[in-house]
PDB file of N, CA and C in Angstrom:
ATOM      1  N   MET A   1       0.846  -1.171   0.000  1.00  0.00           N
ATOM      2  CA  MET A   1       0.000   0.000   0.000  1.00  0.00           C
ATOM      3  C   MET A   1       0.897   1.242   0.000  1.00  0.00           C
ATOM      4  N   LYS A   2       0.459   2.290  -0.705  1.00  0.00           N
ATOM      5  CA  LYS A   2       1.166   3.564  -0.736  1.00  0.00           C
ATOM      6  C   LYS A   2       0.332   4.621  -0.018  1.00  0.00           C
ATOM      7  N   ARG A   3       1.005   5.629   0.523  1.00  0.00           N
ATOM      8  CA  ARG A   3       0.314   6.750   1.165  1.00  0.00           C
ATOM      9  C   ARG A   3       0.784   8.046   0.514  1.00  0.00           C
ATOM     10  N   TYR A   4      -0.182   8.901   0.225  1.00  0.00           N
ATOM     11  CA  TYR A   4       0.082  10.228  -0.327  1.00  0.00           C
ATOM     12  C   TYR A   4      -0.576  11.246   0.598  1.00  0.00           C
ATOM     13  N   CYS A   5       0.094  12.385   0.800  1.00  0.00           N
ATOM     14  CA  CYS A   5      -0.471  13.467   1.605  1.00  0.00           C
ATOM     15  C   CYS A   5      -0.398  14.763   0.804  1.00  0.00           C
ATOM     16  N   PHE A   6      -1.474  15.537   0.872  1.00  0.00           N
ATOM     17  CA  PHE A   6      -1.585  16.761   0.087  1.00  0.00           C
ATOM     18  C   PHE A   6      -2.150  17.893   0.947  1.00  0.00           C
ATOM     19  N   ALA A   7      -1.861  19.124   0.526  1.00  0.00           N
ATOM     20  CA  ALA A   7      -2.415  20.309   1.192  1.00  0.00           C
ATOM     21  C   ALA A   7      -3.076  21.209   0.152  1.00  0.00           C
ATOM     22  N   LEU A   8      -4.059  21.945   0.607  1.00  0.00           N
ATOM     23  CA  LEU A   8      -4.776  22.921  -0.212  1.00  0.00           C
ATOM     24  C   LEU A   8      -5.442  23.891   0.742  1.00  0.00           C
ATOM     25  N   ASP A   9      -5.679  25.101   0.294  1.00  0.00           N
ATOM     26  CA  ASP A   9      -6.384  26.083   1.114  1.00  0.00           C
ATOM     27  C   ASP A   9      -7.781  26.330   0.578  1.00  0.00           C
ATOM     28  N   LEU A  10      -8.630  26.785   1.476  1.00  0.00           N
ATOM     29  CA  LEU A  10      -9.970  27.245   1.117  1.00  0.00           C
ATOM     30  C   LEU A  10      -9.982  28.768   1.163  1.00  0.00           C
ATOM     31  N   LYS A  11     -10.917  29.347   0.450  1.00  0.00           N
ATOM     32  CA  LYS A  11     -11.085  30.802   0.519  1.00  0.00           C
ATOM     33  C   LYS A  11     -11.465  31.178   1.949  1.00  0.00           C
ATOM     34  N   ASP A  12     -10.967  32.306   2.390  1.00  0.00           N
ATOM     35  CA  ASP A  12     -11.138  32.738   3.775  1.00  0.00           C
ATOM     36  C   ASP A  12     -12.508  33.378   3.971  1.00  0.00           C
ATOM     37  N   ASP A  13     -13.516  32.526   3.978  1.00  0.00           N
ATOM     38  CA  ASP A  13     -14.902  32.956   4.160  1.00  0.00           C
ATOM     39  C   ASP A  13     -15.620  31.832   4.905  1.00  0.00           C
ATOM     40  N   PRO A  14     -16.003  32.054   6.163  1.00  0.00           N
ATOM     41  CA  PRO A  14     -16.617  30.981   6.960  1.00  0.00           C
ATOM     42  C   PRO A  14     -17.827  30.319   6.301  1.00  0.00           C
ATOM     43  N   LYS A  15     -18.637  31.081   5.582  1.00  0.00           N
ATOM     44  CA  LYS A  15     -19.808  30.491   4.919  1.00  0.00           C
ATOM     45  C   LYS A  15     -19.386  29.548   3.795  1.00  0.00           C
ATOM     46  N   LEU A  16     -18.380  29.956   3.023  1.00  0.00           N
ATOM     47  CA  LEU A  16     -17.881  29.096   1.950  1.00  0.00           C
ATOM     48  C   LEU A  16     -17.223  27.839   2.518  1.00  0.00           C
ATOM     49  N   ILE A  17     -16.472  28.004   3.596  1.00  0.00           N
ATOM     50  CA  ILE A  17     -15.826  26.850   4.227  1.00  0.00           C
ATOM     51  C   ILE A  17     -16.883  25.862   4.708  1.00  0.00           C
ATOM     52  N   GLN A  18     -17.936  26.365   5.341  1.00  0.00           N
ATOM     53  CA  GLN A  18     -18.999  25.481   5.828  1.00  0.00           C
ATOM     54  C   GLN A  18     -19.673  24.759   4.668  1.00  0.00           C
ATOM     55  N   LYS A  19     -19.924  25.459   3.580  1.00  0.00           N
ATOM     56  CA  LYS A  19     -20.555  24.836   2.411  1.00  0.00           C
ATOM     57  C   LYS A  19     -19.657  23.751   1.827  1.00  0.00           C
ATOM     58  N   TYR A  20     -18.353  24.011   1.760  1.00  0.00           N
ATOM     59  CA  TYR A  20     -17.398  23.024   1.263  1.00  0.00           C
ATOM     60  C   TYR A  20     -17.444  21.760   2.128  1.00  0.00           C
ATOM     61  N   ILE A  21     -17.457  21.949   3.433  1.00  0.00           N
ATOM     62  CA  ILE A  21     -17.540  20.817   4.357  1.00  0.00           C
ATOM     63  C   ILE A  21     -18.838  20.037   4.132  1.00  0.00           C
ATOM     64  N   GLU A  22     -19.935  20.751   3.949  1.00  0.00           N
ATOM     65  CA  GLU A  22     -21.225  20.092   3.705  1.00  0.00           C
ATOM     66  C   GLU A  22     -21.177  19.248   2.435  1.00  0.00           C
ATOM     67  N   TYR A  23     -20.587  19.774   1.366  1.00  0.00           N
ATOM     68  CA  TYR A  23     -20.468  18.986   0.136  1.00  0.00           C
ATOM     69  C   TYR A  23     -19.699  17.694   0.392  1.00  0.00           C
ATOM     70  N   HIS A  24     -18.709  17.752   1.270  1.00  0.00           N
ATOM     71  CA  HIS A  24     -17.889  16.577   1.518  1.00  0.00           C
ATOM     72  C   HIS A  24     -18.518  15.596   2.501  1.00  0.00           C
ATOM     73  N   GLN A  25     -19.669  15.931   3.052  1.00  0.00           N
ATOM     74  CA  GLN A  25     -20.423  14.979   3.858  1.00  0.00           C
ATOM     75  C   GLN A  25     -21.265  14.071   2.969  1.00  0.00           C
ATOM     76  N   LYS A  26     -21.462  14.474   1.714  1.00  0.00           N
ATOM     77  CA  LYS A  26     -22.276  13.699   0.761  1.00  0.00           C
ATOM     78  C   LYS A  26     -21.696  13.893  -0.644  1.00  0.00           C
ATOM     79  N   VAL A  27     -20.509  13.325  -0.859  1.00  0.00           N
ATOM     80  CA  VAL A  27     -19.841  13.434  -2.156  1.00  0.00           C
ATOM     81  C   VAL A  27     -20.648  12.661  -3.198  1.00  0.00           C
ATOM     82  N   TRP A  28     -20.704  13.198  -4.395  1.00  0.00           N
ATOM     83  CA  TRP A  28     -21.478  12.574  -5.463  1.00  0.00           C
ATOM     84  C   TRP A  28     -21.000  11.140  -5.716  1.00  0.00           C
ATOM     85  N   PRO A  29     -21.931  10.223  -5.954  1.00  0.00           N
ATOM     86  CA  PRO A  29     -21.568   8.813  -6.167  1.00  0.00           C
ATOM     87  C   PRO A  29     -20.598   8.604  -7.329  1.00  0.00           C
ATOM     88  N   GLU A  30     -20.743   9.380  -8.391  1.00  0.00           N
ATOM     89  CA  GLU A  30     -19.860   9.239  -9.547  1.00  0.00           C
ATOM     90  C   GLU A  30     -18.419   9.608  -9.193  1.00  0.00           C
ATOM     91  N   VAL A  31     -18.265  10.580  -8.308  1.00  0.00           N
ATOM     92  CA  VAL A  31     -16.932  10.995  -7.863  1.00  0.00           C
ATOM     93  C   VAL A  31     -16.335   9.904  -6.978  1.00  0.00           C
ATOM     94  N   LEU A  32     -17.140   9.366  -6.063  1.00  0.00           N
ATOM     95  CA  LEU A  32     -16.670   8.271  -5.207  1.00  0.00           C
ATOM     96  C   LEU A  32     -16.241   7.067  -6.047  1.00  0.00           C
ATOM     97  N   LYS A  33     -17.026   6.766  -7.072  1.00  0.00           N
ATOM     98  CA  LYS A  33     -16.692   5.639  -7.953  1.00  0.00           C
ATOM     99  C   LYS A  33     -15.369   5.883  -8.662  1.00  0.00           C
ATOM    100  N   SER A  34     -15.150   7.090  -9.144  1.00  0.00           N
ATOM    101  CA  SER A  34     -13.892   7.386  -9.855  1.00  0.00           C
ATOM    102  C   SER A  34     -12.698   7.254  -8.910  1.00  0.00           C
ATOM    103  N   ILE A  35     -12.888   7.611  -7.649  1.00  0.00           N
ATOM    104  CA  ILE A  35     -11.819   7.481  -6.657  1.00  0.00           C
ATOM    105  C   ILE A  35     -11.502   5.999  -6.448  1.00  0.00           C
ATOM    106  N   ARG A  36     -12.514   5.209  -6.186  1.00  0.00           N
ATOM    107  CA  ARG A  36     -12.323   3.770  -5.939  1.00  0.00           C
ATOM    108  C   ARG A  36     -11.753   3.053  -7.161  1.00  0.00           C
ATOM    109  N   ASP A  37     -12.287   3.387  -8.341  1.00  0.00           N
ATOM    110  CA  ASP A  37     -11.859   2.711  -9.571  1.00  0.00           C
ATOM    111  C   ASP A  37     -10.383   2.954  -9.885  1.00  0.00           C
ATOM    112  N   SER A  38      -9.817   4.029  -9.358  1.00  0.00           N
ATOM    113  CA  SER A  38      -8.429   4.381  -9.670  1.00  0.00           C
ATOM    114  C   SER A  38      -7.415   3.629  -8.810  1.00  0.00           C
ATOM    115  N   GLY A  39      -7.881   2.945  -7.773  1.00  0.00           N
ATOM    116  CA  GLY A  39      -6.966   2.239  -6.888  1.00  0.00           C
ATOM    117  C   GLY A  39      -6.758   2.935  -5.558  1.00  0.00           C
ATOM    118  N   ILE A  40      -7.548   3.972  -5.300  1.00  0.00           N
ATOM    119  CA  ILE A  40      -7.491   4.626  -3.993  1.00  0.00           C
ATOM    120  C   ILE A  40      -8.341   3.799  -3.038  1.00  0.00           C
ATOM    121  N   ILE A  41      -7.714   3.341  -1.976  1.00  0.00           N
ATOM    122  CA  ILE A  41      -8.375   2.458  -1.005  1.00  0.00           C
ATOM    123  C   ILE A  41      -9.055   3.281   0.086  1.00  0.00           C
ATOM    124  N   GLU A  42      -8.392   4.315   0.555  1.00  0.00           N
ATOM    125  CA  GLU A  42      -8.929   5.198   1.596  1.00  0.00           C
ATOM    126  C   GLU A  42      -8.484   6.616   1.313  1.00  0.00           C
ATOM    127  N   MET A  43      -9.357   7.550   1.607  1.00  0.00           N
ATOM    128  CA  MET A  43      -9.048   8.971   1.448  1.00  0.00           C
ATOM    129  C   MET A  43      -9.716   9.703   2.603  1.00  0.00           C
ATOM    130  N   GLU A  44      -8.934  10.554   3.269  1.00  0.00           N
ATOM    131  CA  GLU A  44      -9.460  11.385   4.344  1.00  0.00           C
ATOM    132  C   GLU A  44      -9.013  12.819   4.093  1.00  0.00           C
ATOM    133  N   ILE A  45      -9.910  13.756   4.387  1.00  0.00           N
ATOM    134  CA  ILE A  45      -9.576  15.178   4.303  1.00  0.00           C
ATOM    135  C   ILE A  45      -9.833  15.789   5.670  1.00  0.00           C
ATOM    136  N   TYR A  46      -8.837  16.513   6.159  1.00  0.00           N
ATOM    137  CA  TYR A  46      -8.931  17.206   7.443  1.00  0.00           C
ATOM    138  C   TYR A  46      -8.905  18.703   7.182  1.00  0.00           C
ATOM    139  N   ASN A  47      -9.546  19.451   8.092  1.00  0.00           N
ATOM    140  CA  ASN A  47      -9.665  20.893   7.933  1.00  0.00           C
ATOM    141  C   ASN A  47      -9.334  21.605   9.232  1.00  0.00           C
ATOM    142  N   VAL A  48      -8.566  22.700   9.120  1.00  0.00           N
ATOM    143  CA  VAL A  48      -8.397  23.651  10.216  1.00  0.00           C
ATOM    144  C   VAL A  48      -8.391  25.035   9.571  1.00  0.00           C
ATOM    145  N   GLU A  49      -9.349  25.846  10.012  1.00  0.00           N
ATOM    146  CA  GLU A  49      -9.514  27.183   9.416  1.00  0.00           C
ATOM    147  C   GLU A  49      -9.605  27.055   7.897  1.00  0.00           C
ATOM    148  N   THR A  50      -8.659  27.667   7.166  1.00  0.00           N
ATOM    149  CA  THR A  50      -8.707  27.616   5.700  1.00  0.00           C
ATOM    150  C   THR A  50      -7.860  26.485   5.111  1.00  0.00           C
ATOM    151  N   ARG A  51      -7.126  25.772   5.937  1.00  0.00           N
ATOM    152  CA  ARG A  51      -6.198  24.741   5.437  1.00  0.00           C
ATOM    153  C   ARG A  51      -6.859  23.376   5.384  1.00  0.00           C
ATOM    154  N   LEU A  52      -6.617  22.671   4.280  1.00  0.00           N
ATOM    155  CA  LEU A  52      -7.060  21.292   4.105  1.00  0.00           C
ATOM    156  C   LEU A  52      -5.836  20.393   4.020  1.00  0.00           C
ATOM    157  N   PHE A  53      -5.964  19.194   4.565  1.00  0.00           N
ATOM    158  CA  PHE A  53      -4.923  18.181   4.504  1.00  0.00           C
ATOM    159  C   PHE A  53      -5.594  16.883   4.082  1.00  0.00           C
ATOM    160  N   MET A  54      -5.089  16.264   3.007  1.00  0.00           N
ATOM    161  CA  MET A  54      -5.683  15.030   2.501  1.00  0.00           C
ATOM    162  C   MET A  54      -4.669  13.896   2.595  1.00  0.00           C
ATOM    163  N   ILE A  55      -5.141  12.755   3.082  1.00  0.00           N
ATOM    164  CA  ILE A  55      -4.344  11.531   3.120  1.00  0.00           C
ATOM    165  C   ILE A  55      -5.021  10.521   2.194  1.00  0.00           C
ATOM    166  N   MET A  56      -4.240   9.969   1.276  1.00  0.00           N
ATOM    167  CA  MET A  56      -4.738   8.918   0.386  1.00  0.00           C
ATOM    168  C   MET A  56      -3.913   7.666   0.604  1.00  0.00           C
ATOM    169  N   GLU A  57      -4.582   6.558   0.773  1.00  0.00           N
ATOM    170  CA  GLU A  57      -3.916   5.265   0.786  1.00  0.00           C
ATOM    171  C   GLU A  57      -4.367   4.531  -0.462  1.00  0.00           C
ATOM    172  N   THR A  58      -3.385   4.019  -1.201  1.00  0.00           N
ATOM    173  CA  THR A  58      -3.675   3.434  -2.505  1.00  0.00           C
ATOM    174  C   THR A  58      -3.098   2.037  -2.627  1.00  0.00           C
ATOM    175  N   SER A  59      -3.554   1.352  -3.635  1.00  0.00           N
ATOM    176  CA  SER A  59      -2.939   0.072  -3.986  1.00  0.00           C
ATOM    177  C   SER A  59      -1.517   0.358  -4.473  1.00  0.00           C
ATOM    178  N   ASN A  60      -0.686  -0.661  -4.464  1.00  0.00           N
ATOM    179  CA  ASN A  60       0.700  -0.480  -4.909  1.00  0.00           C
ATOM    180  C   ASN A  60       0.809  -0.119  -6.384  1.00  0.00           C
ATOM    181  N   ASP A  61      -0.191  -0.499  -7.174  1.00  0.00           N
ATOM    182  CA  ASP A  61      -0.136  -0.197  -8.599  1.00  0.00           C
ATOM    183  C   ASP A  61      -0.874   1.095  -8.968  1.00  0.00           C
ATOM    184  N   PHE A  62      -1.254   1.896  -7.971  1.00  0.00           N
ATOM    185  CA  PHE A  62      -1.921   3.174  -8.232  1.00  0.00           C
ATOM    186  C   PHE A  62      -1.018   4.056  -9.083  1.00  0.00           C
ATOM    187  N   ASP A  63      -1.615   4.671 -10.106  1.00  0.00           N
ATOM    188  CA  ASP A  63      -0.881   5.550 -11.017  1.00  0.00           C
ATOM    189  C   ASP A  63      -1.526   6.937 -10.991  1.00  0.00           C
ATOM    190  N   PRO A  64      -0.884   7.925 -10.334  1.00  0.00           N
ATOM    191  CA  PRO A  64      -1.470   9.269 -10.252  1.00  0.00           C
ATOM    192  C   PRO A  64      -1.729   9.894 -11.615  1.00  0.00           C
ATOM    193  N   ASP A  65      -0.862   9.628 -12.588  1.00  0.00           N
ATOM    194  CA  ASP A  65      -1.062  10.197 -13.928  1.00  0.00           C
ATOM    195  C   ASP A  65      -2.287   9.588 -14.605  1.00  0.00           C
ATOM    196  N   ALA A  66      -2.481   8.290 -14.430  1.00  0.00           N
ATOM    197  CA  ALA A  66      -3.666   7.634 -14.998  1.00  0.00           C
ATOM    198  C   ALA A  66      -4.932   8.165 -14.328  1.00  0.00           C
ATOM    199  N   LYS A  67      -4.877   8.406 -13.015  1.00  0.00           N
ATOM    200  CA  LYS A  67      -6.027   8.972 -12.295  1.00  0.00           C
ATOM    201  C   LYS A  67      -6.345  10.359 -12.834  1.00  0.00           C
ATOM    202  N   ALA A  68      -5.319  11.190 -13.021  1.00  0.00           N
ATOM    203  CA  ALA A  68      -5.529  12.545 -13.538  1.00  0.00           C
ATOM    204  C   ALA A  68      -6.135  12.504 -14.940  1.00  0.00           C
ATOM    205  N   GLU A  69      -5.658  11.601 -15.776  1.00  0.00           N
ATOM    206  CA  GLU A  69      -6.185  11.466 -17.138  1.00  0.00           C
ATOM    207  C   GLU A  69      -7.641  11.003 -17.103  1.00  0.00           C
ATOM    208  N   ALA A  70      -7.947  10.029 -16.264  1.00  0.00           N
ATOM    209  CA  ALA A  70      -9.327   9.540 -16.140  1.00  0.00           C
ATOM    210  C   ALA A  70     -10.246  10.664 -15.659  1.00  0.00           C
ATOM    211  N   ASP A  71      -9.766  11.465 -14.717  1.00  0.00           N
ATOM    212  CA  ASP A  71     -10.570  12.588 -14.210  1.00  0.00           C
ATOM    213  C   ASP A  71     -10.838  13.616 -15.306  1.00  0.00           C
ATOM    214  N   ARG A  72      -9.822  13.903 -16.115  1.00  0.00           N
ATOM    215  CA  ARG A  72     -10.007  14.878 -17.212  1.00  0.00           C
ATOM    216  C   ARG A  72     -11.064  14.407 -18.202  1.00  0.00           C
ATOM    217  N   ASN A  73     -11.217  13.079 -18.336  1.00  0.00           N
ATOM    218  CA  ASN A  73     -12.170  12.512 -19.297  1.00  0.00           C
ATOM    219  C   ASN A  73     -13.508  12.124 -18.686  1.00  0.00           C
ATOM    220  N   ASN A  74     -13.721  12.477 -17.427  1.00  0.00           N
ATOM    221  CA  ASN A  74     -14.958  12.133 -16.742  1.00  0.00           C
ATOM    222  C   ASN A  74     -15.771  13.414 -16.513  1.00  0.00           C
ATOM    223  N   PRO A  75     -16.853  13.612 -17.284  1.00  0.00           N
ATOM    224  CA  PRO A  75     -17.623  14.860 -17.176  1.00  0.00           C
ATOM    225  C   PRO A  75     -18.159  15.137 -15.765  1.00  0.00           C
ATOM    226  N   LYS A  76     -18.566  14.115 -15.048  1.00  0.00           N
ATOM    227  CA  LYS A  76     -19.108  14.330 -13.700  1.00  0.00           C
ATOM    228  C   LYS A  76     -18.010  14.760 -12.734  1.00  0.00           C
ATOM    229  N   VAL A  77     -16.826  14.165 -12.853  1.00  0.00           N
ATOM    230  CA  VAL A  77     -15.694  14.587 -12.018  1.00  0.00           C
ATOM    231  C   VAL A  77     -15.322  16.024 -12.363  1.00  0.00           C
ATOM    232  N   GLN A  78     -15.332  16.377 -13.632  1.00  0.00           N
ATOM    233  CA  GLN A  78     -15.014  17.749 -14.035  1.00  0.00           C
ATOM    234  C   GLN A  78     -16.052  18.738 -13.490  1.00  0.00           C
ATOM    235  N   GLU A  79     -17.321  18.329 -13.474  1.00  0.00           N
ATOM    236  CA  GLU A  79     -18.377  19.172 -12.900  1.00  0.00           C
ATOM    237  C   GLU A  79     -18.126  19.376 -11.398  1.00  0.00           C
ATOM    238  N   TRP A  80     -17.763  18.299 -10.691  1.00  0.00           N
ATOM    239  CA  TRP A  80     -17.455  18.386  -9.259  1.00  0.00           C
ATOM    240  C   TRP A  80     -16.268  19.323  -9.036  1.00  0.00           C
ATOM    241  N   GLU A  81     -15.214  19.145  -9.819  1.00  0.00           N
ATOM    242  CA  GLU A  81     -14.009  19.972  -9.660  1.00  0.00           C
ATOM    243  C   GLU A  81     -14.314  21.452  -9.914  1.00  0.00           C
ATOM    244  N   ALA A  82     -15.141  21.731 -10.909  1.00  0.00           N
ATOM    245  CA  ALA A  82     -15.520  23.121 -11.180  1.00  0.00           C
ATOM    246  C   ALA A  82     -16.306  23.702 -10.012  1.00  0.00           C
ATOM    247  N   LEU A  83     -17.175  22.901  -9.418  1.00  0.00           N
ATOM    248  CA  LEU A  83     -17.935  23.342  -8.257  1.00  0.00           C
ATOM    249  C   LEU A  83     -17.003  23.604  -7.075  1.00  0.00           C
ATOM    250  N   MET A  84     -16.048  22.696  -6.832  1.00  0.00           N
ATOM    251  CA  MET A  84     -15.127  22.856  -5.703  1.00  0.00           C
ATOM    252  C   MET A  84     -14.211  24.065  -5.892  1.00  0.00           C
ATOM    253  N   ASP A  85     -13.935  24.429  -7.133  1.00  0.00           N
ATOM    254  CA  ASP A  85     -13.090  25.607  -7.419  1.00  0.00           C
ATOM    255  C   ASP A  85     -13.660  26.877  -6.789  1.00  0.00           C
ATOM    256  N   LYS A  86     -14.964  26.919  -6.603  1.00  0.00           N
ATOM    257  CA  LYS A  86     -15.597  28.105  -6.004  1.00  0.00           C
ATOM    258  C   LYS A  86     -15.161  28.308  -4.553  1.00  0.00           C
ATOM    259  N   TYR A  87     -14.692  27.235  -3.923  1.00  0.00           N
ATOM    260  CA  TYR A  87     -14.355  27.257  -2.505  1.00  0.00           C
ATOM    261  C   TYR A  87     -12.847  27.189  -2.251  1.00  0.00           C
ATOM    262  N   GLN A  88     -12.121  26.657  -3.205  1.00  0.00           N
ATOM    263  CA  GLN A  88     -10.699  26.387  -3.004  1.00  0.00           C
ATOM    264  C   GLN A  88      -9.831  27.574  -3.417  1.00  0.00           C
ATOM    265  N   GLN A  89      -8.714  27.687  -2.716  1.00  0.00           N
ATOM    266  CA  GLN A  89      -7.717  28.712  -3.013  1.00  0.00           C
ATOM    267  C   GLN A  89      -6.382  27.985  -3.168  1.00  0.00           C
ATOM    268  N   HIS A  90      -5.774  28.120  -4.307  1.00  0.00           N
ATOM    269  CA  HIS A  90      -4.509  27.444  -4.559  1.00  0.00           C
ATOM    270  C   HIS A  90      -3.436  27.992  -3.625  1.00  0.00           C
ATOM    271  N   LEU A  91      -2.562  27.111  -3.190  1.00  0.00           N
ATOM    272  CA  LEU A  91      -1.442  27.549  -2.364  1.00  0.00           C
ATOM    273  C   LEU A  91      -0.540  28.462  -3.192  1.00  0.00           C
ATOM    274  N   PRO A  92       0.056  29.486  -2.568  1.00  0.00           N
ATOM    275  CA  PRO A  92       0.842  30.465  -3.338  1.00  0.00           C
ATOM    276  C   PRO A  92       2.008  29.853  -4.110  1.00  0.00           C
ATOM    277  N   PHE A  93       2.506  28.723  -3.677  1.00  0.00           N
ATOM    278  CA  PHE A  93       3.648  28.099  -4.324  1.00  0.00           C
ATOM    279  C   PHE A  93       3.262  26.943  -5.238  1.00  0.00           C
ATOM    280  N   SER A  94       1.953  26.738  -5.435  1.00  0.00           N
ATOM    281  CA  SER A  94       1.522  25.643  -6.308  1.00  0.00           C
ATOM    282  C   SER A  94       1.811  25.991  -7.767  1.00  0.00           C
ATOM    283  N   LYS A  95       1.965  24.937  -8.563  1.00  0.00           N
ATOM    284  CA  LYS A  95       2.205  25.117  -9.996  1.00  0.00           C
ATOM    285  C   LYS A  95       0.905  25.547 -10.669  1.00  0.00           C
ATOM    286  N   GLN A  96       1.037  26.124 -11.845  1.00  0.00           N
ATOM    287  CA  GLN A  96      -0.121  26.547 -12.624  1.00  0.00           C
ATOM    288  C   GLN A  96      -1.089  25.372 -12.797  1.00  0.00           C
ATOM    289  N   GLY A  97      -2.351  25.567 -12.414  1.00  0.00           N
ATOM    290  CA  GLY A  97      -3.370  24.539 -12.557  1.00  0.00           C
ATOM    291  C   GLY A  97      -3.352  23.455 -11.488  1.00  0.00           C
ATOM    292  N   GLN A  98      -2.426  23.539 -10.552  1.00  0.00           N
ATOM    293  CA  GLN A  98      -2.316  22.528  -9.499  1.00  0.00           C
ATOM    294  C   GLN A  98      -3.177  22.923  -8.311  1.00  0.00           C
ATOM    295  N   LYS A  99      -4.034  22.016  -7.883  1.00  0.00           N
ATOM    296  CA  LYS A  99      -4.854  22.259  -6.698  1.00  0.00           C
ATOM    297  C   LYS A  99      -4.145  21.704  -5.472  1.00  0.00           C
ATOM    298  N   TRP A 100      -4.227  20.416  -5.309  1.00  0.00           N
ATOM    299  CA  TRP A 100      -3.643  19.738  -4.149  1.00  0.00           C
ATOM    300  C   TRP A 100      -2.143  19.615  -4.350  1.00  0.00           C
ATOM    301  N   VAL A 101      -1.377  20.124  -3.386  1.00  0.00           N
ATOM    302  CA  VAL A 101       0.082  20.096  -3.468  1.00  0.00           C
ATOM    303  C   VAL A 101       0.605  18.931  -2.615  1.00  0.00           C
ATOM    304  N   PRO A 102       1.425  18.060  -3.215  1.00  0.00           N
ATOM    305  CA  PRO A 102       1.974  16.944  -2.434  1.00  0.00           C
ATOM    306  C   PRO A 102       2.843  17.452  -1.290  1.00  0.00           C
ATOM    307  N   MET A 103       2.725  16.777  -0.163  1.00  0.00           N
ATOM    308  CA  MET A 103       3.527  17.122   1.012  1.00  0.00           C
ATOM    309  C   MET A 103       4.649  16.104   1.165  1.00  0.00           C
ATOM    310  N   LYS A 104       5.748  16.546   1.735  1.00  0.00           N
ATOM    311  CA  LYS A 104       6.909  15.700   1.964  1.00  0.00           C
ATOM    312  C   LYS A 104       6.916  15.245   3.418  1.00  0.00           C
ATOM    313  N   LYS A 105       7.048  13.940   3.614  1.00  0.00           N
ATOM    314  CA  LYS A 105       7.113  13.400   4.973  1.00  0.00           C
ATOM    315  C   LYS A 105       8.451  13.806   5.594  1.00  0.00           C
ATOM    316  N   ILE A 106       8.389  14.385   6.778  1.00  0.00           N
ATOM    317  CA  ILE A 106       9.616  14.796   7.461  1.00  0.00           C
ATOM    318  C   ILE A 106       9.817  14.073   8.795  1.00  0.00           C
ATOM    319  N   PHE A 107       8.828  13.290   9.217  1.00  0.00           N
ATOM    320  CA  PHE A 107       8.940  12.560  10.486  1.00  0.00           C
ATOM    321  C   PHE A 107       8.089  11.319  10.438  1.00  0.00           C
ATOM    322  N   SER A 108       8.610  10.251  11.008  1.00  0.00           N
ATOM    323  CA  SER A 108       7.863   9.014  11.195  1.00  0.00           C
ATOM    324  C   SER A 108       8.294   8.407  12.520  1.00  0.00           C
ATOM    325  N   LEU A 109       7.374   8.238  13.427  1.00  0.00           N
ATOM    326  CA  LEU A 109       7.678   7.624  14.715  1.00  0.00           C
ATOM    327  C   LEU A 109       8.242   6.222  14.515  1.00  0.00           C
ATOM    328  N   GLU A 110       7.609   5.456  13.670  1.00  0.00           N
ATOM    329  CA  GLU A 110       8.050   4.083  13.421  1.00  0.00           C
ATOM    330  C   GLU A 110       9.487   4.053  12.903  1.00  0.00           C
ATOM    331  N   GLU A 111       9.821   4.939  11.983  1.00  0.00           N
ATOM    332  CA  GLU A 111      11.191   4.986  11.457  1.00  0.00           C
ATOM    333  C   GLU A 111      12.180   5.430  12.525  1.00  0.00           C
ATOM    334  N   GLN A 112      11.782   6.335  13.392  1.00  0.00           N
ATOM    335  CA  GLN A 112      12.670   6.804  14.445  1.00  0.00           C
ATOM    336  C   GLN A 112      12.978   5.687  15.443  1.00  0.00           C
ATOM    337  N   ILE A 113      11.940   4.942  15.788  1.00  0.00           N
ATOM    338  CA  ILE A 113      12.082   3.883  16.787  1.00  0.00           C
ATOM    339  C   ILE A 113      12.910   2.720  16.231  1.00  0.00           C
ATOM    340  N   SER A 114      12.738   2.422  14.943  1.00  0.00           N
ATOM    341  CA  SER A 114      13.408   1.247  14.371  1.00  0.00           C
ATOM    342  C   SER A 114      14.881   1.496  14.042  1.00  0.00           C
ATOM    343  N   GLU A 115      15.344   2.721  14.146  1.00  0.00           N
ATOM    344  CA  GLU A 115      16.754   3.014  13.818  1.00  0.00           C
ATOM    345  C   GLU A 115      17.679   2.642  14.937  1.00  0.00           C
TER     346      GLU A 115
END
């Protein structure tokens, strides 16, 4: 299994943040299917103020590029992404068109203990 962690910000508006959270309490079935079909086993999103943190656990053969390509060709996923754009704010250091920015692991308790 592989783990990926990402960060993204929301627009600094409490009403928009609440609406974004509400959408994520009932994600569209087509979006959930696209996530599962790509090899993502578990996905969690955490929120504090305007910051979002996402953890994805995937199968070993998960291909992020194939997932991105499948999403680009899925009209319902594109509709969801356009809707979420109303609430999301790209991180200042993100690349052009990049929403979720991969995070680098800098600490692991298990790795520290096993050394």
